[in-house]
Amino acid sequence: MAGTVTGVTVPKHSLSKLQSLNGLFAIYKKEGPTSADVLNSLKEALLKEAGVKNPNPRKRKKQALKMGHGGTLDSAASGVLVVGIGNGTKMLSTMLAGSKKYMAVGELGKATDTLDATGNVVHEKLYDHITREAFEEKLKQFTGDVMQVPPLYSALKKDGKRLSVLLKQGHEVEAKPARPVTVYNLSLQDFTPPLFTLDVECGGGFYIRSLVDDLGKALSSCAHVRKLIRTKQGQFTLDAHTLREEHWTLQHIVQSMQPCSGSEVTKEDGTRPNLLVKVNAQVKGDKNGEDEKGPL
């Protein structure tokens, strides 16, 4: 699929075509790797397709491809990861601050040091007194504009170092002060104690792990996140927009790209995909975002 940009033909599968892309698209992040690792795997796949031998996606100086993601997912989480390419990286701040949706499975009766299933159990409490009605009533306290204390295990920093790294190194870390966050919608989808499933729509800077931990305490028990899936970020949804790893190709990105400032591309069949590109873009630097225990 060759493209024509204002009368200039961009060669198929060339590095120059890849570098000309400017916009946003979404990929699927699986459980396990960090968001930064997933982004680097994407960059490596695209650079190899473009003919770059032995690409080093982690290299920050004189990069062949400018790319970043718009909001960290914890390594144990999965779902929508919005990616900016070229000038699209300048739009990522909007993704960070904008609305996001999650499906979270929590477990009552056990609290962990990381507030999710990757951590060590630090407390156990009874939960058989909790009814579905009581649970749903408590959810009202966590909807709207609320104050939230971020988890200790997070990508927030102290003296330039992530809190999660300091904790793993054995340093004592004080909790960050509560900060204002917004929950647009919060509903209980399933209640089968000790497990429960929440559907959450929230603004930027909100931690699902803190929500579940706070809910457990509010119900005179404790809880942690067992499973977390980001189902939507901005206009990108899990079912309709995310590219799975087997579709991390130039062709699929061109077809799914959302526009950024630049020149339109016309495909061979005369149609115009939903993206804008700029020929011979000068791309420098990188914006990988935080790589572990981000705002979830």
Protein backbone atom coordinates (compact mmCIF):
# COMPACT_ATOMS: atom_id res chain seq x y z
CA MET A 1 0.00 0.00 0.00
CA ALA A 2 1.82 3.07 -1.22
CA GLY A 3 0.63 6.51 -0.16
CA THR A 4 0.63 9.87 -1.90
CA VAL A 5 1.24 12.98 0.21
CA THR A 6 0.51 16.24 -1.63
CA GLY A 7 1.72 14.72 -4.88
CA VAL A 8 4.73 12.90 -3.37
CA THR A 9 4.72 9.10 -3.44
CA VAL A 10 5.89 7.57 -0.18
CA PRO A 11 7.62 4.21 -0.84
CA LYS A 12 6.03 1.13 0.64
CA HIS A 13 7.54 -0.13 3.94
CA SER A 14 10.24 2.55 3.93
CA LEU A 15 11.66 4.20 7.01
CA SER A 16 10.76 7.61 5.58
CA LYS A 17 7.09 6.64 5.43
CA LEU A 18 7.14 5.41 8.99
CA GLN A 19 8.82 8.61 10.12
CA SER A 20 6.22 10.69 8.28
CA LEU A 21 3.33 9.47 10.43
CA ASN A 22 1.82 11.93 12.92
CA GLY A 23 -1.11 10.92 15.10
CA LEU A 24 -2.57 8.62 17.73
CA PHE A 25 -3.57 4.97 17.73
CA ALA A 26 -4.18 2.30 20.35
CA ILE A 27 -2.56 -1.07 20.96
CA TYR A 28 -3.42 -3.92 23.31
CA LYS A 29 -1.11 -4.30 26.31
CA LYS A 30 -1.09 -7.81 27.71
CA GLU A 31 -0.45 -8.74 31.34
CA GLY A 32 3.23 -9.05 32.31
CA PRO A 33 5.43 -6.48 30.55
CA THR A 34 5.59 -2.84 31.59
CA SER A 35 4.02 -0.19 29.38
CA ALA A 36 7.51 0.98 28.39
CA ASP A 37 8.50 -2.57 27.42
CA VAL A 38 5.39 -2.90 25.23
CA LEU A 39 6.13 0.42 23.53
CA ASN A 40 9.71 -0.65 22.83
CA SER A 41 8.50 -3.96 21.35
CA LEU A 42 6.16 -2.01 19.07
CA LYS A 43 8.95 0.32 17.94
CA GLU A 44 11.27 -2.60 17.29
CA ALA A 45 8.64 -4.41 15.18
CA LEU A 46 7.97 -1.31 13.08
CA LEU A 47 11.63 -0.48 12.58
CA LYS A 48 12.37 -4.03 11.48
CA GLU A 49 9.49 -3.89 9.00
CA ALA A 50 10.93 -0.61 7.68
CA GLY A 51 14.25 -2.32 7.00
CA VAL A 52 16.28 -1.08 9.97
CA LYS A 53 18.84 -3.70 10.95
CA ASN A 54 19.32 -4.41 14.67
CA PRO A 55 17.05 -1.58 15.87
CA ASN A 56 17.53 -0.36 19.44
CA PRO A 57 14.14 1.03 20.54
CA ARG A 58 15.53 2.14 23.92
CA LYS A 59 18.09 4.46 22.37
CA ARG A 60 17.17 8.05 23.17
CA LYS A 61 19.64 10.01 21.04
CA LYS A 62 19.34 10.22 17.26
CA GLN A 63 16.31 7.97 17.25
CA ALA A 64 14.86 6.69 14.00
CA LEU A 65 11.32 6.89 15.36
CA LYS A 66 9.58 9.25 17.77
CA MET A 67 6.91 7.47 19.77
CA GLY A 68 5.35 7.55 23.25
CA HIS A 69 2.36 6.29 25.20
CA GLY A 70 -0.43 8.26 26.84
CA GLY A 71 -0.82 6.68 30.27
CA THR A 72 0.91 3.89 32.12
CA LEU A 73 -0.73 0.55 32.78
CA ASP A 74 0.76 -1.50 35.62
CA SER A 75 2.67 -4.57 34.48
CA ALA A 76 -0.09 -6.82 35.86
CA ALA A 77 -2.81 -4.88 34.02
CA SER A 78 -3.94 -5.20 30.41
CA GLY A 79 -6.01 -3.31 27.88
CA VAL A 80 -5.94 -0.06 25.92
CA LEU A 81 -2.57 1.68 25.60
CA VAL A 82 -2.75 4.85 23.50
CA VAL A 83 0.36 5.52 21.42
CA GLY A 84 1.49 8.77 19.85
CA ILE A 85 3.80 8.76 16.84
CA GLY A 86 5.66 11.76 15.40
CA ASN A 87 3.85 14.97 16.31
CA GLY A 88 1.16 12.82 17.86
CA THR A 89 3.34 12.59 20.97
CA LYS A 90 2.40 16.23 21.64
CA MET A 91 -1.22 15.12 22.04
CA LEU A 92 -0.47 12.54 24.73
CA SER A 93 -0.93 14.98 27.61
CA THR A 94 -4.61 15.10 26.66
CA MET A 95 -4.77 11.32 26.95
CA LEU A 96 -3.16 11.42 30.40
CA ALA A 97 -5.68 13.94 31.72
CA GLY A 98 -8.74 12.62 29.92
CA SER A 99 -11.42 10.08 30.77
CA LYS A 100 -10.56 6.38 31.10
CA LYS A 101 -12.65 3.27 31.73
CA TYR A 102 -11.61 0.13 33.60
CA MET A 103 -12.93 -3.27 34.56
CA ALA A 104 -11.47 -4.26 37.91
CA VAL A 105 -11.82 -7.54 39.77
CA GLY A 106 -11.16 -7.19 43.49
CA GLU A 107 -10.85 -9.68 46.32
CA LEU A 108 -12.24 -8.99 49.78
CA GLY A 109 -10.56 -10.19 52.96
CA LYS A 110 -6.92 -9.75 51.93
CA ALA A 111 -4.77 -6.61 51.64
CA THR A 112 -1.36 -6.55 49.96
CA ASP A 113 1.55 -4.13 50.16
CA THR A 114 1.19 -3.19 46.46
CA LEU A 115 -2.65 -3.14 46.63
CA ASP A 116 -2.78 -5.75 43.85
CA ALA A 117 -2.11 -9.47 43.38
CA THR A 118 1.61 -8.95 42.68
CA GLY A 119 2.30 -7.99 46.29
CA ASN A 120 2.58 -9.78 49.61
CA VAL A 121 -0.48 -10.23 51.82
CA VAL A 122 -0.13 -7.91 54.83
CA HIS A 123 -3.63 -8.09 56.35
CA GLU A 124 -6.53 -10.53 56.41
CA LYS A 125 -10.03 -9.70 57.65
CA LEU A 126 -13.48 -11.24 57.64
CA TYR A 127 -15.82 -10.20 54.84
CA ASP A 128 -18.90 -12.37 55.35
CA HIS A 129 -20.80 -9.42 56.85
CA ILE A 130 -20.68 -7.52 53.52
CA THR A 131 -23.82 -7.65 51.40
CA ARG A 132 -24.30 -6.51 47.82
CA GLU A 133 -26.60 -3.74 49.04
CA ALA A 134 -24.00 -2.46 51.52
CA PHE A 135 -21.31 -2.59 48.84
CA GLU A 136 -23.35 -0.59 46.35
CA GLU A 137 -24.22 1.97 49.01
CA LYS A 138 -20.52 2.52 49.79
CA LEU A 139 -19.74 3.11 46.12
CA LYS A 140 -21.64 6.39 46.34
CA GLN A 141 -18.92 7.77 48.65
CA PHE A 142 -16.32 7.25 45.93
CA THR A 143 -18.22 8.83 43.03
CA GLY A 144 -17.74 12.40 41.85
CA ASP A 145 -14.94 14.73 42.93
CA VAL A 146 -13.12 12.96 45.75
CA MET A 147 -9.76 13.02 47.53
CA GLN A 148 -7.46 10.03 47.05
CA VAL A 149 -4.12 9.00 48.56
CA PRO A 150 -1.88 7.42 45.86
CA PRO A 151 -0.38 3.97 46.57
CA LEU A 152 3.12 3.73 48.02
CA TYR A 153 4.04 1.41 45.15
CA SER A 154 3.63 3.89 42.33
CA ALA A 155 5.52 5.78 39.65
CA LEU A 156 5.29 8.97 41.71
CA LYS A 157 8.72 10.24 42.66
CA LYS A 158 10.68 11.40 45.69
CA ASP A 159 14.00 13.16 45.11
CA GLY A 160 13.86 12.09 41.47
CA LYS A 161 13.32 8.38 42.19
CA ARG A 162 10.13 6.38 41.82
CA LEU A 163 8.52 5.40 45.13
CA SER A 164 8.23 1.78 43.94
CA VAL A 165 11.99 1.65 43.31
CA LEU A 166 12.81 3.18 46.70
CA LEU A 167 10.60 0.63 48.46
CA LYS A 168 12.22 -2.28 46.63
CA GLN A 169 15.61 -0.93 47.70
CA GLY A 170 14.52 -1.06 51.34
CA HIS A 171 14.02 2.68 51.91
CA GLU A 172 11.24 4.01 54.09
CA VAL A 173 8.71 5.95 52.05
CA GLU A 174 5.94 8.22 53.30
CA ALA A 175 2.60 8.27 51.56
CA LYS A 176 1.95 11.21 49.28
CA PRO A 177 -0.81 13.54 50.48
CA ALA A 178 -4.36 13.04 49.26
CA ARG A 179 -5.14 14.81 46.01
CA PRO A 180 -8.35 15.63 44.15
CA VAL A 181 -9.49 13.11 41.55
CA THR A 182 -12.72 12.54 39.65
CA VAL A 183 -14.86 9.41 39.28
CA TYR A 184 -17.54 9.88 36.63
CA ASN A 185 -19.22 6.50 36.96
CA LEU A 186 -18.73 3.61 39.38
CA SER A 187 -20.88 0.48 39.41
CA LEU A 188 -20.79 -3.03 40.83
CA GLN A 189 -21.05 -5.52 37.96
CA ASP A 190 -20.69 -8.74 39.92
CA PHE A 191 -20.63 -9.69 43.62
CA THR A 192 -19.55 -13.24 44.42
CA PRO A 193 -17.62 -12.94 47.71
CA PRO A 194 -14.75 -12.77 48.12
CA LEU A 195 -14.59 -11.57 44.51
CA PHE A 196 -16.31 -8.52 43.06
CA THR A 197 -16.18 -6.74 39.71
CA LEU A 198 -16.28 -2.98 39.25
CA ASP A 199 -16.86 -0.86 36.17
CA VAL A 200 -15.04 2.46 36.62
CA GLU A 201 -14.89 5.63 34.55
CA CYS A 202 -12.46 8.17 35.97
CA GLY A 203 -10.27 11.14 35.15
CA GLY A 204 -6.50 11.43 35.05
CA GLY A 205 -4.32 10.61 38.04
CA PHE A 206 -6.81 8.13 39.51
CA TYR A 207 -5.59 4.85 41.02
CA ILE A 208 -7.90 1.84 40.79
CA ARG A 209 -5.70 0.06 43.35
CA SER A 210 -6.32 2.82 45.89
CA LEU A 211 -10.06 2.73 45.18
CA VAL A 212 -10.29 -1.00 45.89
CA ASP A 213 -8.14 -0.67 49.02
CA ASP A 214 -10.27 2.22 50.30
CA LEU A 215 -13.49 0.32 49.55
CA GLY A 216 -12.31 -2.64 51.60
CA LYS A 217 -11.56 -0.39 54.58
CA ALA A 218 -14.87 1.45 54.24
CA LEU A 219 -16.65 -1.92 54.42
CA SER A 220 -14.81 -2.83 57.67
CA SER A 221 -12.66 -5.36 55.86
CA CYS A 222 -9.82 -5.11 53.36
CA ALA A 223 -9.36 -5.77 49.64
CA HIS A 224 -6.91 -5.75 46.76
CA VAL A 225 -7.06 -5.79 42.94
CA ARG A 226 -6.95 -9.25 41.39
CA LYS A 227 -7.35 -8.22 37.74
CA LEU A 228 -7.39 -4.89 35.93
CA ILE A 229 -8.32 -4.12 32.32
CA ARG A 230 -8.42 -0.66 30.76
CA THR A 231 -11.38 -0.81 28.40
CA LYS A 232 -11.32 2.75 27.08
CA GLN A 233 -9.05 5.78 26.95
CA GLY A 234 -10.32 8.92 25.27
CA GLN A 235 -12.00 7.86 22.02
CA PHE A 236 -10.15 4.53 21.91
CA THR A 237 -12.00 1.41 23.08
CA LEU A 238 -10.69 -2.08 23.75
CA ASP A 239 -13.00 -3.88 21.32
CA ALA A 240 -13.07 -1.40 18.44
CA HIS A 241 -9.66 0.25 18.27
CA THR A 242 -6.80 -1.70 19.86
CA LEU A 243 -4.23 -3.39 17.64
CA ARG A 244 -3.13 -6.81 18.86
CA GLU A 245 0.54 -7.72 18.56
CA GLU A 246 0.06 -9.62 15.31
CA HIS A 247 -1.26 -6.37 13.78
CA TRP A 248 1.66 -4.17 14.82
CA THR A 249 2.42 -3.31 11.19
CA LEU A 250 2.64 -0.10 9.22
CA GLN A 251 -0.47 -0.99 7.22
CA HIS A 252 -2.64 -1.57 10.30
CA ILE A 253 -1.38 1.60 11.99
CA VAL A 254 -2.14 3.66 8.88
CA GLN A 255 -5.69 2.26 8.85
CA SER A 256 -6.36 2.94 12.54
CA MET A 257 -4.52 6.25 13.04
CA GLN A 258 -6.40 9.25 14.44
CA PRO A 259 -5.38 12.59 12.89
CA CYS A 260 -2.71 15.08 13.86
CA SER A 261 -1.64 18.25 12.06
CA GLY A 262 0.01 17.55 8.71
CA SER A 263 -0.85 16.54 5.16
CA GLU A 264 -3.41 13.97 4.12
CA VAL A 265 -2.45 10.59 2.71
CA THR A 266 -4.32 9.08 -0.20
CA LYS A 267 -4.25 5.31 -0.59
CA GLU A 268 -3.96 3.48 -3.90
CA ASP A 269 -7.73 2.94 -4.09
CA GLY A 270 -8.32 6.68 -3.83
CA THR A 271 -9.68 6.62 -0.29
CA ARG A 272 -8.20 8.53 2.62
CA PRO A 273 -7.43 6.75 5.87
CA ASN A 274 -8.18 8.51 9.13
CA LEU A 275 -4.72 9.93 9.66
CA LEU A 276 -2.60 12.87 8.69
CA VAL A 277 1.09 12.63 7.96
CA LYS A 278 4.02 14.87 7.24
CA VAL A 279 6.72 13.88 4.78
CA ASN A 280 10.34 13.77 5.95
CA ALA A 281 9.43 14.68 9.54
CA GLN A 282 12.41 15.44 11.74
CA VAL A 283 12.01 13.12 14.70
CA LYS A 284 14.12 13.38 17.82
CA GLY A 285 13.74 12.32 21.43
CA ASP A 286 11.25 9.95 23.00
CA LYS A 287 8.39 9.89 25.45
CA ASN A 288 8.08 6.45 26.91
CA GLY A 289 6.20 7.53 30.02
CA GLU A 290 6.61 5.76 33.34
CA ASP A 291 7.31 2.06 33.20
CA GLU A 292 5.72 0.57 36.29
CA LYS A 293 2.99 1.17 38.85
CA GLY A 294 1.57 4.22 37.11
CA PRO A 295 -1.74 5.96 37.82
CA LEU A 296 -3.84 2.87 38.35
